[in-house]
Amino acid sequence: MSQTVDRALSILPLLAEGPADLGQVAGRLGVHKSTALRLLRTLHEHGIVHRQPDQRYRLGARLFALAQQAVENLDVREIAHPHLVELNERCGHTVHLAVHEENEVLYLDKVESRYPVRMYSRVGKPVAITVAAVAKLLLADLPEPERRAVAGRLDYPMYTPRSTPGPDAFLKELAKVREQGWASDLGGHEKSINCVAAPVRGTDGRVIAAMSVSAPNVVVSADELLRLLPLVRRTADAISREYSGNTPPNPLTNTPPNTPTKETSS
């Protein structure tokens, strides 16, 4: 292991015992204060440690957030998988579970379609973030300033004529998804593929994952796929209940969505 990495990681158990000043950190590492300060500054820039007003250092919130995210992602996949299998057995189409990590939305689990014609996807593969239904759900749940920041830095490839053309259209779509509580991609990434998705919520009602059903339009039309939305939402709600131990509140809307109608993904 790199000596620098080893020293930086050695700081964390010390700070887990409580706040420590620069001298204490340098003493524990057996290095000069300037070396310890350089390591602490790097960790501080990444939110792993936090410098208090009294100049002592403690573990930072980013470290706890990363740990919590890792636990949630592992747990939600284990909890969700039997529900995804059951949904696949009922509808026959490809079922996905996705999460938002750093700047990407990734497939965390997949149950393959039972039909010979199916969509291509792979667990661990990033989704087309500006058009994918699961990505819309995950990003729509972000606080507004964060949503706007994300929308502003994304690229907007026009995969098909129905792809999201730019940040204004994307923010409008996210607002719609946030209000209605579900999302779709009707030919936005591939002309022949449609998808409907519903959110999986944690104990605080925030979206921790999104699940979807996808199918080629040679197997099922967009309108037929949208009629599966109640089943998809019930499955997502069941995962949410099992994950959190209760029925999590929806912080975005207190009213049930209207019966879905066909929409575009932009």
Protein backbone atom coordinates (compact mmCIF):
# COMPACT_ATOMS: atom_id res chain seq x y z
CA MET A 1 0.00 0.00 0.00
CA SER A 2 1.15 3.56 -0.69
CA GLN A 3 2.73 5.11 2.40
CA THR A 4 0.66 8.28 1.91
CA VAL A 5 -2.59 6.31 1.67
CA ASP A 6 -1.60 4.20 4.67
CA ARG A 7 -0.93 7.31 6.77
CA ALA A 8 -4.18 8.98 5.68
CA LEU A 9 -6.21 5.88 6.57
CA SER A 10 -4.43 5.66 9.93
CA ILE A 11 -5.89 9.06 10.85
CA LEU A 12 -9.46 7.74 10.75
CA PRO A 13 -9.29 5.34 13.72
CA LEU A 14 -7.69 8.12 15.78
CA LEU A 15 -10.50 10.56 14.99
CA ALA A 16 -13.07 7.84 15.64
CA GLU A 17 -11.95 8.07 19.28
CA GLY A 18 -12.83 11.77 19.30
CA PRO A 19 -11.54 15.13 18.02
CA ALA A 20 -7.75 15.52 17.87
CA ASP A 21 -5.44 18.43 17.16
CA LEU A 22 -2.59 18.56 14.65
CA GLY A 23 0.03 17.57 17.23
CA GLN A 24 -1.92 14.51 18.30
CA VAL A 25 -2.38 13.38 14.71
CA ALA A 26 1.31 13.91 13.91
CA GLY A 27 2.30 12.04 17.07
CA ARG A 28 0.06 9.06 16.29
CA LEU A 29 1.45 8.85 12.76
CA GLY A 30 5.03 9.48 13.81
CA VAL A 31 5.46 12.25 11.22
CA HIS A 32 6.24 15.97 11.17
CA LYS A 33 3.30 18.33 11.68
CA SER A 34 3.64 19.62 8.11
CA THR A 35 3.10 16.09 6.76
CA ALA A 36 0.12 15.52 9.04
CA LEU A 37 -1.36 18.88 8.03
CA ARG A 38 -1.05 18.01 4.34
CA LEU A 39 -2.90 14.73 4.88
CA LEU A 40 -5.60 16.39 6.99
CA ARG A 41 -6.15 19.11 4.39
CA THR A 42 -6.66 16.50 1.67
CA LEU A 43 -9.12 14.55 3.80
CA HIS A 44 -10.88 17.80 4.70
CA GLU A 45 -11.27 18.77 1.04
CA HIS A 46 -13.09 15.48 0.42
CA GLY A 47 -15.31 15.84 3.48
CA ILE A 48 -13.76 12.82 5.20
CA VAL A 49 -12.59 14.92 8.16
CA HIS A 50 -13.86 18.25 9.46
CA ARG A 51 -11.86 21.01 11.16
CA GLN A 52 -13.65 22.49 14.16
CA PRO A 53 -13.43 26.15 15.26
CA ASP A 54 -11.03 25.08 18.04
CA GLN A 55 -8.67 23.78 15.28
CA ARG A 56 -9.20 20.16 16.25
CA TYR A 57 -10.25 17.62 13.64
CA ARG A 58 -13.08 15.11 13.73
CA LEU A 59 -14.58 12.64 11.27
CA GLY A 60 -16.58 14.42 8.55
CA ALA A 61 -20.18 13.95 7.51
CA ARG A 62 -19.12 12.75 4.06
CA LEU A 63 -17.58 9.64 5.59
CA PHE A 64 -20.82 8.76 7.36
CA ALA A 65 -22.82 9.48 4.21
CA LEU A 66 -20.65 7.15 2.14
CA ALA A 67 -20.91 4.41 4.74
CA GLN A 68 -24.68 4.81 4.96
CA GLN A 69 -25.01 4.81 1.17
CA ALA A 70 -22.98 1.61 0.88
CA VAL A 71 -25.10 -0.13 3.51
CA GLU A 72 -28.35 1.03 1.93
CA ASN A 73 -27.33 -0.05 -1.55
CA LEU A 74 -26.29 -3.51 -0.41
CA ASP A 75 -29.38 -3.96 1.75
CA VAL A 76 -31.87 -2.67 -0.79
CA ARG A 77 -30.63 -5.08 -3.46
CA GLU A 78 -30.97 -8.06 -1.13
CA ILE A 79 -34.44 -6.98 -0.03
CA ALA A 80 -35.61 -6.05 -3.51
CA HIS A 81 -34.47 -9.09 -5.46
CA PRO A 82 -37.32 -11.49 -4.54
CA HIS A 83 -39.84 -8.76 -5.39
CA LEU A 84 -38.15 -8.15 -8.75
CA VAL A 85 -38.31 -11.87 -9.51
CA GLU A 86 -41.99 -12.01 -8.59
CA LEU A 87 -42.76 -9.00 -10.80
CA ASN A 88 -40.86 -10.60 -13.68
CA GLU A 89 -42.85 -13.81 -13.24
CA ARG A 90 -46.10 -11.85 -13.43
CA CYS A 91 -45.30 -9.65 -16.44
CA GLY A 92 -42.46 -11.48 -18.21
CA HIS A 93 -40.48 -8.31 -19.00
CA THR A 94 -37.02 -7.10 -17.94
CA VAL A 95 -36.99 -5.70 -14.42
CA HIS A 96 -34.24 -3.41 -13.13
CA LEU A 97 -33.18 -1.88 -9.81
CA ALA A 98 -31.00 1.25 -10.01
CA VAL A 99 -29.25 3.61 -7.60
CA HIS A 100 -27.62 7.04 -7.81
CA GLU A 101 -23.92 6.95 -6.96
CA GLU A 102 -21.73 10.04 -7.23
CA ASN A 103 -22.54 11.41 -10.71
CA GLU A 104 -23.98 8.25 -12.25
CA VAL A 105 -27.11 6.16 -12.09
CA LEU A 106 -26.20 2.48 -12.11
CA TYR A 107 -28.13 -0.74 -12.48
CA LEU A 108 -27.81 -2.59 -9.18
CA ASP A 109 -29.87 -5.66 -10.11
CA LYS A 110 -31.67 -7.13 -13.10
CA VAL A 111 -34.11 -9.93 -13.83
CA GLU A 112 -34.02 -10.81 -17.52
CA SER A 113 -37.07 -10.88 -19.77
CA ARG A 114 -38.63 -14.25 -20.55
CA TYR A 115 -39.25 -13.14 -24.15
CA PRO A 116 -36.73 -13.91 -26.93
CA VAL A 117 -36.63 -10.23 -27.98
CA ARG A 118 -35.28 -8.15 -25.10
CA MET A 119 -33.31 -5.00 -24.27
CA TYR A 120 -29.59 -5.01 -23.57
CA SER A 121 -28.41 -3.88 -20.14
CA ARG A 122 -25.87 -4.97 -17.55
CA VAL A 123 -25.65 -4.76 -13.77
CA GLY A 124 -23.09 -2.10 -12.83
CA LYS A 125 -23.52 -0.29 -16.15
CA PRO A 126 -24.45 3.43 -16.03
CA VAL A 127 -27.80 4.29 -17.57
CA ALA A 128 -28.49 7.04 -20.11
CA ILE A 129 -29.06 9.56 -17.36
CA THR A 130 -31.01 12.20 -19.31
CA VAL A 131 -33.65 9.80 -20.61
CA ALA A 132 -33.81 6.70 -18.39
CA ALA A 133 -36.92 6.45 -16.23
CA VAL A 134 -34.96 5.25 -13.18
CA ALA A 135 -32.57 8.19 -13.49
CA LYS A 136 -35.44 10.68 -13.62
CA LEU A 137 -36.88 9.30 -10.40
CA LEU A 138 -33.55 9.39 -8.57
CA LEU A 139 -32.60 12.88 -9.74
CA ALA A 140 -36.11 14.29 -9.25
CA ASP A 141 -35.78 13.54 -5.53
CA LEU A 142 -32.70 15.77 -5.16
CA PRO A 143 -33.13 19.23 -3.59
CA GLU A 144 -33.85 21.87 -6.23
CA PRO A 145 -30.39 23.54 -6.18
CA GLU A 146 -28.78 20.14 -6.64
CA ARG A 147 -31.18 19.24 -9.45
CA ARG A 148 -30.35 22.44 -11.27
CA ALA A 149 -26.62 21.92 -10.80
CA VAL A 150 -26.84 18.37 -12.15
CA ALA A 151 -29.00 19.43 -15.10
CA GLY A 152 -26.55 22.20 -15.95
CA ARG A 153 -23.50 19.97 -16.19
CA LEU A 154 -25.01 17.03 -18.11
CA ASP A 155 -24.63 16.41 -21.82
CA TYR A 156 -27.84 15.81 -23.76
CA PRO A 157 -27.23 13.36 -26.62
CA MET A 158 -30.19 12.97 -28.94
CA TYR A 159 -30.41 9.19 -29.00
CA THR A 160 -33.82 9.45 -30.70
CA PRO A 161 -36.22 12.27 -31.58
CA ARG A 162 -37.80 11.70 -28.15
CA SER A 163 -34.59 12.22 -26.19
CA THR A 164 -34.43 15.10 -23.72
CA PRO A 165 -32.97 18.03 -25.70
CA GLY A 166 -31.45 20.16 -22.93
CA PRO A 167 -31.38 21.25 -19.27
CA ASP A 168 -34.63 23.25 -19.35
CA ALA A 169 -36.58 20.30 -20.74
CA PHE A 170 -34.86 17.97 -18.29
CA LEU A 171 -35.75 20.12 -15.28
CA LYS A 172 -39.34 20.33 -16.51
CA GLU A 173 -39.45 16.54 -16.80
CA LEU A 174 -37.97 16.10 -13.32
CA ALA A 175 -40.59 18.46 -11.87
CA LYS A 176 -43.32 16.37 -13.51
CA VAL A 177 -41.81 13.13 -12.20
CA ARG A 178 -41.45 14.64 -8.72
CA GLU A 179 -45.13 15.61 -8.70
CA GLN A 180 -46.60 12.38 -10.09
CA GLY A 181 -44.27 9.97 -8.26
CA TRP A 182 -43.36 7.76 -11.23
CA ALA A 183 -41.43 8.04 -14.49
CA SER A 184 -41.29 6.64 -17.99
CA ASP A 185 -38.97 6.48 -20.97
CA LEU A 186 -41.01 5.92 -24.11
CA GLY A 187 -38.45 5.59 -26.86
CA GLY A 188 -36.12 8.23 -25.47
CA HIS A 189 -33.01 6.08 -25.48
CA GLU A 190 -33.92 3.49 -28.10
CA LYS A 191 -36.90 3.95 -30.39
CA SER A 192 -37.98 0.36 -29.86
CA ILE A 193 -37.70 0.24 -26.05
CA ASN A 194 -40.20 1.58 -23.51
CA CYS A 195 -39.89 1.67 -19.74
CA VAL A 196 -41.93 2.58 -16.65
CA ALA A 197 -40.41 3.07 -13.21
CA ALA A 198 -41.37 3.62 -9.58
CA PRO A 199 -39.37 4.81 -6.55
CA VAL A 200 -38.12 2.78 -3.61
CA ARG A 201 -38.11 4.92 -0.47
CA GLY A 202 -36.17 4.75 2.76
CA THR A 203 -37.33 5.32 6.31
CA ASP A 204 -37.38 9.10 5.82
CA GLY A 205 -39.42 8.92 2.60
CA ARG A 206 -36.48 9.84 0.38
CA VAL A 207 -35.87 7.88 -2.81
CA ILE A 208 -33.00 5.43 -2.24
CA ALA A 209 -33.45 3.39 -5.42
CA ALA A 210 -35.70 3.09 -8.45
CA MET A 211 -37.12 -0.01 -10.10
CA SER A 212 -38.46 -0.37 -13.60
CA VAL A 213 -40.03 -2.66 -16.17
CA SER A 214 -38.71 -2.40 -19.73
CA ALA A 215 -39.82 -4.06 -22.95
CA PRO A 216 -39.40 -3.74 -26.73
CA ASN A 217 -42.47 -2.41 -28.50
CA VAL A 218 -42.54 -5.53 -30.70
CA VAL A 219 -43.44 -7.43 -27.52
CA VAL A 220 -45.72 -4.90 -25.86
CA SER A 221 -46.85 -1.40 -26.89
CA ALA A 222 -46.10 1.69 -24.84
CA ASP A 223 -49.77 1.94 -23.82
CA GLU A 224 -49.81 -1.69 -22.70
CA LEU A 225 -46.62 -1.19 -20.72
CA LEU A 226 -48.05 1.88 -18.99
CA ARG A 227 -50.97 -0.24 -17.85
CA LEU A 228 -48.46 -2.21 -15.78
CA LEU A 229 -47.60 0.90 -13.77
CA PRO A 230 -49.92 0.09 -10.81
CA LEU A 231 -48.23 -3.30 -10.48
CA VAL A 232 -44.77 -1.70 -10.70
CA ARG A 233 -45.70 0.84 -8.03
CA ARG A 234 -47.10 -1.83 -5.72
CA THR A 235 -43.86 -3.76 -6.07
CA ALA A 236 -41.77 -0.66 -5.29
CA ASP A 237 -44.00 0.08 -2.28
CA ALA A 238 -43.57 -3.48 -1.01
CA ILE A 239 -39.78 -3.14 -1.23
CA SER A 240 -39.98 0.22 0.56
CA ARG A 241 -42.08 -1.24 3.37
CA GLU A 242 -39.76 -4.19 3.85
CA TYR A 243 -36.70 -1.96 3.75
CA SER A 244 -37.96 0.60 6.25
CA GLY A 245 -40.31 -1.50 8.33
CA ASN A 246 -43.31 0.75 7.62
CA THR A 247 -45.05 2.61 4.83
CA PRO A 248 -42.77 5.58 4.15
CA PRO A 249 -44.37 8.97 3.57
CA ASN A 250 -44.07 10.59 0.17
CA PRO A 251 -42.52 14.02 0.83
CA LEU A 252 -43.25 15.19 -2.70
CA THR A 253 -47.02 14.89 -2.89
CA ASN A 254 -49.89 14.00 -0.59
CA THR A 255 -52.26 13.04 -3.37
CA PRO A 256 -52.22 9.91 -5.52
CA PRO A 257 -51.23 10.40 -9.17
CA ASN A 258 -53.79 10.40 -11.91
CA THR A 259 -54.24 7.38 -14.10
CA PRO A 260 -51.18 7.38 -16.37
CA THR A 261 -51.43 8.43 -19.96
CA LYS A 262 -48.91 8.06 -22.72
CA GLU A 263 -46.13 10.66 -22.51
CA THR A 264 -42.85 11.46 -24.12
CA SER A 265 -39.58 11.39 -22.22
CA SER A 266 -38.79 15.05 -22.71
